[in-house]
């Protein structure tokens, strides 16, 4: 790798997490995985780097199934690097957390379970698929070449079913329990930042909200219409005997608020998913969300409805009661880029095409591929700080701005420029490519993996 490359500093930020022999192999797999197409296996990366005849190929497999390095420490460095790159002044960070299913089969994959497949299922039909469920935490960033936010993965953890946890002899953790650990990692890595975490219905849990409040993290998630909402506890009169009240009187839940003709609705204009603006009607209030046997959670609840009747009414809450309804809904809308990230990671980085069978390798390789998604965005930003990223357009596809495929192509072009290609002295219009480098190019073009 040339020392003058603008992406050297990004890669060097992770060098200290590996030993010197392991680091040289990590670089080979990193560039080979970026250049590879189709399956993202160790052998595919070695072929792209011209190492198909290397006899010590098993040492590259040992990076995932044996070498001593910590994915959590790499995630910490990646998060801090991402924040330094895109947030140099005000540290108001929005993270989105969600689950995705990596479809995998094989008896030797111990953390494999059966889950509802969101792509194959519908409201009328539920389809189960074999695989590994990953909880992915992403940072919302708006790159300079795009006007829409991107969700960049920084931390990924597997979340097995209760049956799989029992087979492994581990205490089972719910999705909210894993999310709690991930949020605590964020707070430890970014102690001074204003953190907001946005999730879906799986993270609408009182205990998770209480944990976020204790550590100064704002949690925004959907709120069920039948959630038990209460007023704050009234002042305790002097001389009162008995246990103090945790909450005040019961308040109408969102289902009642939606149908109550006396509900006050206010119109707000929100930036929509496609870059346009949309007007919604909202009702909001402050309440204490409470279930028996648990501590109450102070929240700001928001109920939105579409005046045109095209969208279903939805509820949401924030653990920061001082937030406005428009700010909460704007954060909810920013959650959707993570679905694009999942789709592009499968289409361009080969998620679900790995062939590792070692338990340690399985728990390492997929988080590395999600992290590679973020690394490629950082590479593209370093390569094109002054000039725009080339956009691949067509007569049938007038693409207005760069997508992940354009960023990946720009990074690949930069990697191929490292080849030993010289201008011919006899004909300046021709270039001379050594036979070994020419064979690498042919293999990259002719073979899908």
Protein backbone atom coordinates (compact mmCIF):
# COMPACT_ATOMS: atom_id res chain seq x y z
CA UNK A 1 0.00 0.00 0.00
CA UNK A 2 1.58 3.35 -1.00
CA UNK A 3 2.35 5.59 1.97
CA UNK A 4 1.02 8.60 0.04
CA UNK A 5 -2.48 7.15 -0.19
CA UNK A 6 -5.06 9.33 1.65
CA UNK A 7 -6.65 6.23 3.19
CA UNK A 8 -3.45 5.12 4.95
CA UNK A 9 -4.22 7.17 8.07
CA UNK A 10 -7.65 5.55 8.35
CA UNK A 11 -6.25 2.04 8.20
CA UNK A 12 -3.35 2.84 10.53
CA UNK A 13 -5.83 3.73 13.29
CA UNK A 14 -6.44 -0.01 13.77
CA UNK A 15 -2.86 -1.29 13.57
CA UNK A 16 -2.23 -1.36 17.33
CA UNK A 17 -5.07 -3.85 17.86
CA UNK A 18 -3.13 -6.60 16.04
CA UNK A 19 0.28 -8.17 16.27
CA UNK A 20 2.71 -7.39 13.45
CA UNK A 21 2.34 -10.80 11.67
CA UNK A 22 -1.45 -10.65 11.94
CA UNK A 23 -1.59 -7.06 10.69
CA UNK A 24 0.11 -7.90 7.39
CA UNK A 25 -2.48 -10.60 6.76
CA UNK A 26 -5.33 -8.32 7.82
CA UNK A 27 -4.30 -5.81 5.13
CA UNK A 28 -4.33 -8.55 2.48
CA UNK A 29 -7.84 -9.63 3.49
CA UNK A 30 -9.06 -6.03 3.76
CA UNK A 31 -8.07 -5.01 0.24
CA UNK A 32 -8.98 -8.39 -1.19
CA UNK A 33 -12.47 -8.25 0.32
CA UNK A 34 -13.02 -4.75 -1.10
CA UNK A 35 -11.97 -5.88 -4.58
CA UNK A 36 -13.83 -9.20 -4.45
CA UNK A 37 -17.21 -9.74 -6.07
CA UNK A 38 -19.82 -12.28 -5.09
CA UNK A 39 -18.87 -14.39 -2.09
CA UNK A 40 -16.80 -12.72 0.63
CA UNK A 41 -14.69 -15.67 1.71
CA UNK A 42 -11.05 -15.72 2.72
CA UNK A 43 -10.14 -17.58 -0.45
CA UNK A 44 -11.96 -15.02 -2.62
CA UNK A 45 -9.91 -12.24 -1.01
CA UNK A 46 -6.68 -14.15 -1.57
CA UNK A 47 -7.49 -14.66 -5.24
CA UNK A 48 -8.11 -10.96 -5.73
CA UNK A 49 -4.71 -10.17 -4.20
CA UNK A 50 -2.88 -12.66 -6.42
CA UNK A 51 -2.30 -15.13 -3.57
CA UNK A 52 -4.03 -18.15 -5.12
CA UNK A 53 -0.78 -20.11 -5.12
CA UNK A 54 0.21 -19.18 -1.54
CA UNK A 55 0.87 -22.35 0.45
CA UNK A 56 0.24 -20.69 3.83
CA UNK A 57 -3.39 -19.89 3.09
CA UNK A 58 -4.57 -21.47 6.35
CA UNK A 59 -2.88 -18.66 8.31
CA UNK A 60 -5.35 -16.21 6.78
CA UNK A 61 -8.26 -18.32 8.03
CA UNK A 62 -6.72 -18.26 11.50
CA UNK A 63 -7.21 -14.48 11.67
CA UNK A 64 -10.89 -15.17 12.34
CA UNK A 65 -10.84 -18.50 14.16
CA UNK A 66 -7.69 -18.25 16.26
CA UNK A 67 -5.89 -14.87 16.32
CA UNK A 68 -6.17 -12.78 19.49
CA UNK A 69 -7.96 -9.51 18.76
CA UNK A 70 -11.12 -7.88 20.04
CA UNK A 71 -14.02 -6.88 17.74
CA UNK A 72 -15.31 -4.64 20.55
CA UNK A 73 -12.08 -2.64 20.64
CA UNK A 74 -12.16 -2.32 16.86
CA UNK A 75 -15.74 -1.05 17.12
CA UNK A 76 -14.61 1.56 19.65
CA UNK A 77 -11.86 2.81 17.34
CA UNK A 78 -14.23 2.84 14.37
CA UNK A 79 -16.84 4.85 16.27
CA UNK A 80 -14.34 7.45 17.47
CA UNK A 81 -12.83 7.72 13.98
CA UNK A 82 -16.27 8.23 12.47
CA UNK A 83 -17.15 10.94 14.98
CA UNK A 84 -13.85 12.78 14.41
CA UNK A 85 -14.39 12.70 10.65
CA UNK A 86 -17.98 13.89 10.35
CA UNK A 87 -18.66 15.66 13.68
CA UNK A 88 -15.83 18.04 14.40
CA UNK A 89 -17.71 20.65 16.42
CA UNK A 90 -21.09 19.80 17.99
CA UNK A 91 -21.35 16.23 19.29
CA UNK A 92 -25.09 15.69 18.88
CA UNK A 93 -25.12 12.12 17.64
CA UNK A 94 -28.06 9.99 16.55
CA UNK A 95 -27.65 6.22 16.56
CA UNK A 96 -30.16 3.78 15.08
CA UNK A 97 -30.38 0.21 16.36
CA UNK A 98 -32.18 -2.62 14.61
CA UNK A 99 -31.96 -6.34 13.90
CA UNK A 100 -31.27 -8.10 10.64
CA UNK A 101 -31.32 -11.78 9.76
CA UNK A 102 -28.25 -13.40 8.22
CA UNK A 103 -29.66 -16.49 6.52
CA UNK A 104 -27.30 -19.38 7.19
CA UNK A 105 -27.65 -23.17 7.21
CA UNK A 106 -25.45 -25.83 8.69
CA UNK A 107 -25.51 -28.04 11.76
CA UNK A 108 -22.11 -26.82 12.91
CA UNK A 109 -23.30 -23.22 13.33
CA UNK A 110 -24.20 -23.32 17.00
CA UNK A 111 -25.74 -19.84 17.28
CA UNK A 112 -28.07 -20.49 14.35
CA UNK A 113 -31.80 -20.37 15.05
CA UNK A 114 -35.11 -19.96 13.26
CA UNK A 115 -36.62 -16.49 12.96
CA UNK A 116 -39.33 -14.72 11.08
CA UNK A 117 -38.00 -13.69 7.68
CA UNK A 118 -39.11 -10.07 7.17
CA UNK A 119 -38.45 -10.15 3.41
CA UNK A 120 -40.43 -13.33 2.72
CA UNK A 121 -43.24 -12.63 5.21
CA UNK A 122 -46.28 -10.41 4.91
CA UNK A 123 -49.24 -9.42 7.06
CA UNK A 124 -51.14 -12.48 5.92
CA UNK A 125 -48.26 -14.97 5.95
CA UNK A 126 -45.30 -15.49 8.28
CA UNK A 127 -42.25 -17.32 6.90
CA UNK A 128 -39.46 -18.61 9.16
CA UNK A 129 -35.86 -18.86 8.02
CA UNK A 130 -32.71 -20.41 9.43
CA UNK A 131 -29.93 -18.03 10.29
CA UNK A 132 -28.29 -15.71 12.79
CA UNK A 133 -30.04 -12.61 14.11
CA UNK A 134 -27.70 -9.65 14.44
CA UNK A 135 -28.36 -6.48 16.39
CA UNK A 136 -26.63 -3.67 14.52
CA UNK A 137 -25.94 -0.23 15.95
CA UNK A 138 -25.42 2.48 13.31
CA UNK A 139 -24.47 6.15 13.41
CA UNK A 140 -26.55 8.51 11.29
CA UNK A 141 -24.28 10.60 9.06
CA UNK A 142 -24.97 12.86 6.09
CA UNK A 143 -21.90 12.55 3.83
CA UNK A 144 -20.85 15.59 1.76
CA UNK A 145 -21.82 13.83 -1.49
CA UNK A 146 -25.40 13.15 -0.35
CA UNK A 147 -28.36 15.16 0.89
CA UNK A 148 -29.97 12.19 2.63
CA UNK A 149 -28.67 10.57 5.85
CA UNK A 150 -26.75 7.30 5.82
CA UNK A 151 -26.70 4.70 8.59
CA UNK A 152 -23.11 3.53 9.15
CA UNK A 153 -22.64 0.37 11.27
CA UNK A 154 -20.29 0.64 14.24
CA UNK A 155 -21.19 -2.32 16.47
CA UNK A 156 -22.88 -5.69 15.82
CA UNK A 157 -23.78 -8.50 18.19
CA UNK A 158 -25.60 -11.83 17.66
CA UNK A 159 -28.88 -12.30 19.51
CA UNK A 160 -29.79 -16.02 19.71
CA UNK A 161 -33.16 -17.45 20.65
CA UNK A 162 -33.87 -18.78 24.16
CA UNK A 163 -33.58 -22.34 22.83
CA UNK A 164 -30.14 -21.65 21.32
CA UNK A 165 -28.97 -19.93 24.52
CA UNK A 166 -30.04 -22.99 26.52
CA UNK A 167 -28.15 -25.32 24.18
CA UNK A 168 -25.03 -23.18 24.52
CA UNK A 169 -25.36 -23.11 28.31
CA UNK A 170 -25.58 -19.31 28.40
CA UNK A 171 -28.12 -17.15 30.24
CA UNK A 172 -30.55 -15.81 27.68
CA UNK A 173 -30.64 -12.09 26.95
CA UNK A 174 -33.49 -10.34 25.23
CA UNK A 175 -32.99 -7.88 22.39
CA UNK A 176 -33.48 -5.04 24.86
CA UNK A 177 -30.85 -6.61 27.13
CA UNK A 178 -28.27 -6.69 24.34
CA UNK A 179 -29.22 -3.15 23.37
CA UNK A 180 -28.57 -2.02 26.93
CA UNK A 181 -25.00 -3.34 26.75
CA UNK A 182 -24.40 -1.67 23.39
CA UNK A 183 -25.71 1.68 24.63
CA UNK A 184 -23.49 1.48 27.71
CA UNK A 185 -20.51 0.89 25.41
CA UNK A 186 -21.43 4.01 23.46
CA UNK A 187 -21.60 6.10 26.61
CA UNK A 188 -18.21 4.79 27.74
CA UNK A 189 -16.65 5.53 24.34
CA UNK A 190 -18.27 8.98 23.98
CA UNK A 191 -18.63 10.34 27.53
CA UNK A 192 -19.18 13.98 26.49
CA UNK A 193 -21.51 13.49 23.53
CA UNK A 194 -25.25 14.14 23.42
CA UNK A 195 -26.47 10.67 22.43
CA UNK A 196 -29.82 9.73 20.93
CA UNK A 197 -30.69 6.10 20.17
CA UNK A 198 -33.66 5.36 17.90
CA UNK A 199 -35.14 1.87 17.74
CA UNK A 200 -38.27 0.03 16.66
CA UNK A 201 -40.92 -1.76 18.72
CA UNK A 202 -38.41 -4.28 20.12
CA UNK A 203 -36.70 -1.47 22.04
CA UNK A 204 -39.88 0.02 23.46
CA UNK A 205 -39.10 -1.34 26.93
CA UNK A 206 -39.39 0.49 30.25
CA UNK A 207 -36.22 -1.03 31.71
CA UNK A 208 -34.19 -0.01 28.67
CA UNK A 209 -35.59 3.51 28.90
CA UNK A 210 -34.69 3.76 32.58
CA UNK A 211 -31.13 2.63 31.83
CA UNK A 212 -30.81 5.27 29.12
CA UNK A 213 -32.05 7.99 31.46
CA UNK A 214 -29.54 7.02 34.15
CA UNK A 215 -26.66 7.36 31.69
CA UNK A 216 -27.80 10.50 29.92
CA UNK A 217 -28.89 8.85 26.66
CA UNK A 218 -32.11 9.77 24.89
CA UNK A 219 -34.14 6.75 23.75
CA UNK A 220 -36.79 7.21 21.06
CA UNK A 221 -38.97 4.29 20.03
CA UNK A 222 -42.59 3.46 19.07
CA UNK A 223 -45.19 3.47 21.84
CA UNK A 224 -48.06 1.00 21.87
CA UNK A 225 -51.54 2.48 21.88
CA UNK A 226 -52.45 0.44 24.97
CA UNK A 227 -49.40 1.53 27.00
CA UNK A 228 -50.27 2.36 30.62
CA UNK A 229 -49.70 6.08 31.11
CA UNK A 230 -50.01 7.93 34.40
CA UNK A 231 -49.71 11.43 35.76
CA UNK A 232 -46.71 12.27 37.98
CA UNK A 233 -47.20 11.35 41.65
CA UNK A 234 -48.86 14.15 43.66
CA UNK A 235 -46.95 15.86 46.49
CA UNK A 236 -46.94 13.76 49.63
CA UNK A 237 -48.78 15.51 52.52
CA UNK A 238 -46.88 15.83 55.74
CA UNK A 239 -47.60 13.10 58.26
CA UNK A 240 -48.85 10.59 55.67
CA UNK A 241 -48.25 6.98 56.69
CA UNK A 242 -47.41 4.21 54.25
CA UNK A 243 -45.42 3.68 51.11
CA UNK A 244 -45.28 6.74 48.82
CA UNK A 245 -47.08 6.60 45.50
CA UNK A 246 -44.99 5.88 42.44
CA UNK A 247 -47.39 7.48 39.96
CA UNK A 248 -50.45 9.66 39.93
CA UNK A 249 -53.85 9.08 38.35
CA UNK A 250 -54.24 6.93 35.24
CA UNK A 251 -54.21 8.88 31.97
CA UNK A 252 -55.98 7.91 28.73
CA UNK A 253 -53.83 5.67 26.54
CA UNK A 254 -53.08 6.54 22.94
CA UNK A 255 -56.01 4.53 21.59
CA UNK A 256 -58.40 6.73 23.60
CA UNK A 257 -56.56 9.91 22.64
CA UNK A 258 -56.84 9.00 18.96
CA UNK A 259 -60.63 8.69 19.03
CA UNK A 260 -61.38 11.43 21.58
CA UNK A 261 -63.02 14.40 19.79
CA UNK A 262 -61.58 16.79 22.39
CA UNK A 263 -57.96 15.93 21.51
CA UNK A 264 -55.98 18.95 20.38
CA UNK A 265 -54.10 18.31 17.15
CA UNK A 266 -51.34 20.52 15.77
CA UNK A 267 -49.98 20.46 12.22
CA UNK A 268 -46.20 19.99 11.81
CA UNK A 269 -44.08 19.84 8.65
CA UNK A 270 -41.48 17.06 8.66
CA UNK A 271 -38.67 16.07 6.28
CA UNK A 272 -39.86 12.82 4.69
CA UNK A 273 -37.97 9.72 3.60
CA UNK A 274 -37.72 10.72 -0.08
CA UNK A 275 -36.28 14.17 0.64
CA UNK A 276 -39.61 15.99 0.40
CA UNK A 277 -41.68 17.48 3.20
CA UNK A 278 -44.93 16.16 4.60
CA UNK A 279 -47.54 17.63 6.92
CA UNK A 280 -48.80 15.51 9.82
CA UNK A 281 -51.13 16.22 12.70
CA UNK A 282 -49.73 15.46 16.13
CA UNK A 283 -50.94 15.30 19.71
CA UNK A 284 -48.42 15.14 22.53
CA UNK A 285 -48.05 15.20 26.29
CA UNK A 286 -45.88 14.23 29.24
CA UNK A 287 -46.67 11.07 31.22
CA UNK A 288 -45.12 8.38 33.34
CA UNK A 289 -45.05 4.98 31.66
CA UNK A 290 -45.57 2.36 34.35
CA UNK A 291 -46.12 -1.36 34.91
CA UNK A 292 -46.63 -3.01 38.28
CA UNK A 293 -43.39 -4.08 39.92
CA UNK A 294 -41.21 -1.68 37.93
CA UNK A 295 -40.05 1.87 38.26
CA UNK A 296 -42.04 4.43 36.26
CA UNK A 297 -40.42 6.01 33.22
CA UNK A 298 -41.06 9.73 32.53
CA UNK A 299 -41.61 10.20 28.79
CA UNK A 300 -42.84 12.62 26.19
CA UNK A 301 -45.40 10.75 24.09
CA UNK A 302 -46.38 11.73 20.55
CA UNK A 303 -49.33 10.51 18.50
CA UNK A 304 -49.29 11.34 14.78
CA UNK A 305 -51.90 10.96 12.07
CA UNK A 306 -52.04 11.77 8.38
CA UNK A 307 -54.70 14.38 7.50
CA UNK A 308 -54.95 12.79 4.04
CA UNK A 309 -55.60 9.34 5.53
CA UNK A 310 -52.80 7.60 3.61
CA UNK A 311 -50.78 6.60 6.69
CA UNK A 312 -51.80 4.73 9.80
CA UNK A 313 -51.68 6.66 13.10
CA UNK A 314 -48.51 5.94 15.05
CA UNK A 315 -47.27 6.60 18.53
CA UNK A 316 -43.74 7.27 19.73
CA UNK A 317 -42.00 8.35 22.90
CA UNK A 318 -38.80 9.98 24.08
CA UNK A 319 -37.16 9.50 27.46
CA UNK A 320 -36.41 13.23 27.45
CA UNK A 321 -39.75 14.92 28.30
CA UNK A 322 -38.36 18.31 27.22
CA UNK A 323 -38.26 17.24 23.56
CA UNK A 324 -40.80 18.65 21.14
CA UNK A 325 -43.15 16.50 19.12
CA UNK A 326 -41.59 17.61 15.83
CA UNK A 327 -38.08 16.74 17.04
CA UNK A 328 -39.17 13.25 18.15
CA UNK A 329 -40.88 12.48 14.84
CA UNK A 330 -37.91 13.80 12.88
CA UNK A 331 -35.65 11.34 14.73
CA UNK A 332 -38.11 8.50 14.07
CA UNK A 333 -37.98 9.25 10.34
CA UNK A 334 -34.16 9.14 10.42
CA UNK A 335 -34.36 5.49 11.46
CA UNK A 336 -35.18 4.19 7.99
CA UNK A 337 -31.71 4.52 6.32
CA UNK A 338 -30.64 1.45 8.29
CA UNK A 339 -32.84 -0.68 6.03
CA UNK A 340 -30.91 0.65 3.03
CA UNK A 341 -27.67 -0.23 4.79
CA UNK A 342 -28.79 -3.83 5.34
CA UNK A 343 -29.79 -4.19 1.69
CA UNK A 344 -26.59 -2.66 0.31
CA UNK A 345 -24.42 -4.72 2.64
CA UNK A 346 -26.00 -7.86 1.23
CA UNK A 347 -25.83 -6.69 -2.38
CA UNK A 348 -22.30 -5.26 -2.43
CA UNK A 349 -20.39 -6.74 0.53
CA UNK A 350 -21.57 -10.33 0.44
CA UNK A 351 -23.39 -10.63 3.74
CA UNK A 352 -24.77 -14.22 3.93
CA UNK A 353 -22.07 -15.55 1.58
CA UNK A 354 -19.45 -16.40 4.22
CA UNK A 355 -18.38 -20.01 4.63
CA UNK A 356 -16.81 -20.06 8.10
CA UNK A 357 -17.75 -22.90 10.46
CA UNK A 358 -15.69 -22.04 13.53
CA UNK A 359 -17.75 -20.50 16.34
CA UNK A 360 -15.27 -17.70 16.88
CA UNK A 361 -14.97 -16.97 13.16
CA UNK A 362 -18.75 -16.78 12.73
CA UNK A 363 -19.06 -14.26 15.55
CA UNK A 364 -16.26 -12.15 14.05
CA UNK A 365 -16.69 -12.20 10.29
CA UNK A 366 -20.16 -10.68 9.90
CA UNK A 367 -19.42 -7.72 12.24
CA UNK A 368 -16.25 -7.14 10.19
CA UNK A 369 -18.29 -6.96 6.99
CA UNK A 370 -20.69 -4.47 8.58
CA UNK A 371 -17.70 -2.47 9.77
CA UNK A 372 -16.24 -2.63 6.26
CA UNK A 373 -19.35 -0.79 5.04
CA UNK A 374 -18.41 2.12 7.30
CA UNK A 375 -14.72 1.91 6.38
CA UNK A 376 -15.55 2.21 2.67
CA UNK A 377 -17.55 5.37 3.36
CA UNK A 378 -14.58 6.77 5.30
CA UNK A 379 -12.26 5.83 2.42
CA UNK A 380 -14.54 7.55 -0.08
CA UNK A 381 -14.63 10.67 2.08
CA UNK A 382 -10.83 10.74 2.31
CA UNK A 383 -10.38 10.23 -1.44
CA UNK A 384 -12.93 12.84 -2.55
CA UNK A 385 -12.79 15.69 -0.08
CA UNK A 386 -12.31 18.26 -2.86
CA UNK A 387 -13.78 16.62 -5.98
CA UNK A 388 -17.16 14.86 -6.11
CA UNK A 389 -17.49 11.09 -6.25
CA UNK A 390 -18.13 9.91 -9.83
CA UNK A 391 -21.74 8.81 -10.26
CA UNK A 392 -22.65 5.96 -12.57
CA UNK A 393 -25.61 7.17 -14.61
CA UNK A 394 -27.55 5.78 -17.54
CA UNK A 395 -30.26 6.94 -19.91
CA UNK A 396 -32.76 4.89 -17.93
CA UNK A 397 -31.34 5.84 -14.53
CA UNK A 398 -30.65 9.56 -14.01
CA UNK A 399 -29.12 9.14 -10.56
CA UNK A 400 -29.06 12.54 -8.78
CA UNK A 401 -26.42 11.73 -6.13
CA UNK A 402 -23.86 9.11 -5.23
CA UNK A 403 -24.92 5.85 -3.58
CA UNK A 404 -22.88 3.20 -1.81
CA UNK A 405 -22.14 1.41 -5.08
CA UNK A 406 -20.52 4.61 -6.42
CA UNK A 407 -18.42 5.01 -3.27
CA UNK A 408 -17.33 1.36 -3.45
CA UNK A 409 -16.40 1.78 -7.13
CA UNK A 410 -14.30 4.86 -6.32
CA UNK A 411 -12.44 2.98 -3.58
CA UNK A 412 -11.89 -0.03 -5.86
CA UNK A 413 -10.54 2.23 -8.62
CA UNK A 414 -8.08 3.69 -6.14
CA UNK A 415 -6.98 0.19 -5.06
CA UNK A 416 -6.45 -0.93 -8.66
CA UNK A 417 -4.28 2.15 -9.24
CA UNK A 418 -1.69 0.48 -7.00
CA UNK A 419 -0.91 -1.96 -9.80
CA UNK A 420 2.42 -1.64 -11.54
CA UNK A 421 1.06 -0.01 -14.72
CA UNK A 422 3.37 2.17 -16.82
CA UNK A 423 2.90 4.24 -19.93
CA UNK A 424 4.52 2.65 -22.97
CA UNK A 425 7.64 4.45 -24.19
CA UNK A 426 6.92 3.46 -27.77
CA UNK A 427 3.27 4.55 -27.78
CA UNK A 428 2.08 7.07 -25.12
CA UNK A 429 -1.50 6.06 -25.84
CA UNK A 430 -0.84 2.54 -24.51
CA UNK A 431 0.04 1.24 -21.06
CA UNK A 432 2.18 -1.74 -20.08
CA UNK A 433 0.85 -4.16 -17.48
CA UNK A 434 2.99 -6.98 -16.06
CA UNK A 435 1.62 -10.45 -16.78
CA UNK A 436 0.91 -11.21 -13.08
CA UNK A 437 -1.08 -7.98 -12.67
CA UNK A 438 -2.91 -8.61 -15.95
CA UNK A 439 -3.96 -12.05 -14.72
CA UNK A 440 -5.34 -10.44 -11.54
CA UNK A 441 -7.47 -8.10 -13.61
CA UNK A 442 -8.74 -10.94 -15.78
CA UNK A 443 -9.67 -13.01 -12.74
CA UNK A 444 -11.53 -10.04 -11.24
CA UNK A 445 -13.51 -9.53 -14.46
CA UNK A 446 -14.18 -13.09 -15.55
CA UNK A 447 -15.02 -14.79 -12.24
CA UNK A 448 -17.92 -13.85 -9.98
CA UNK A 449 -16.12 -15.03 -6.82
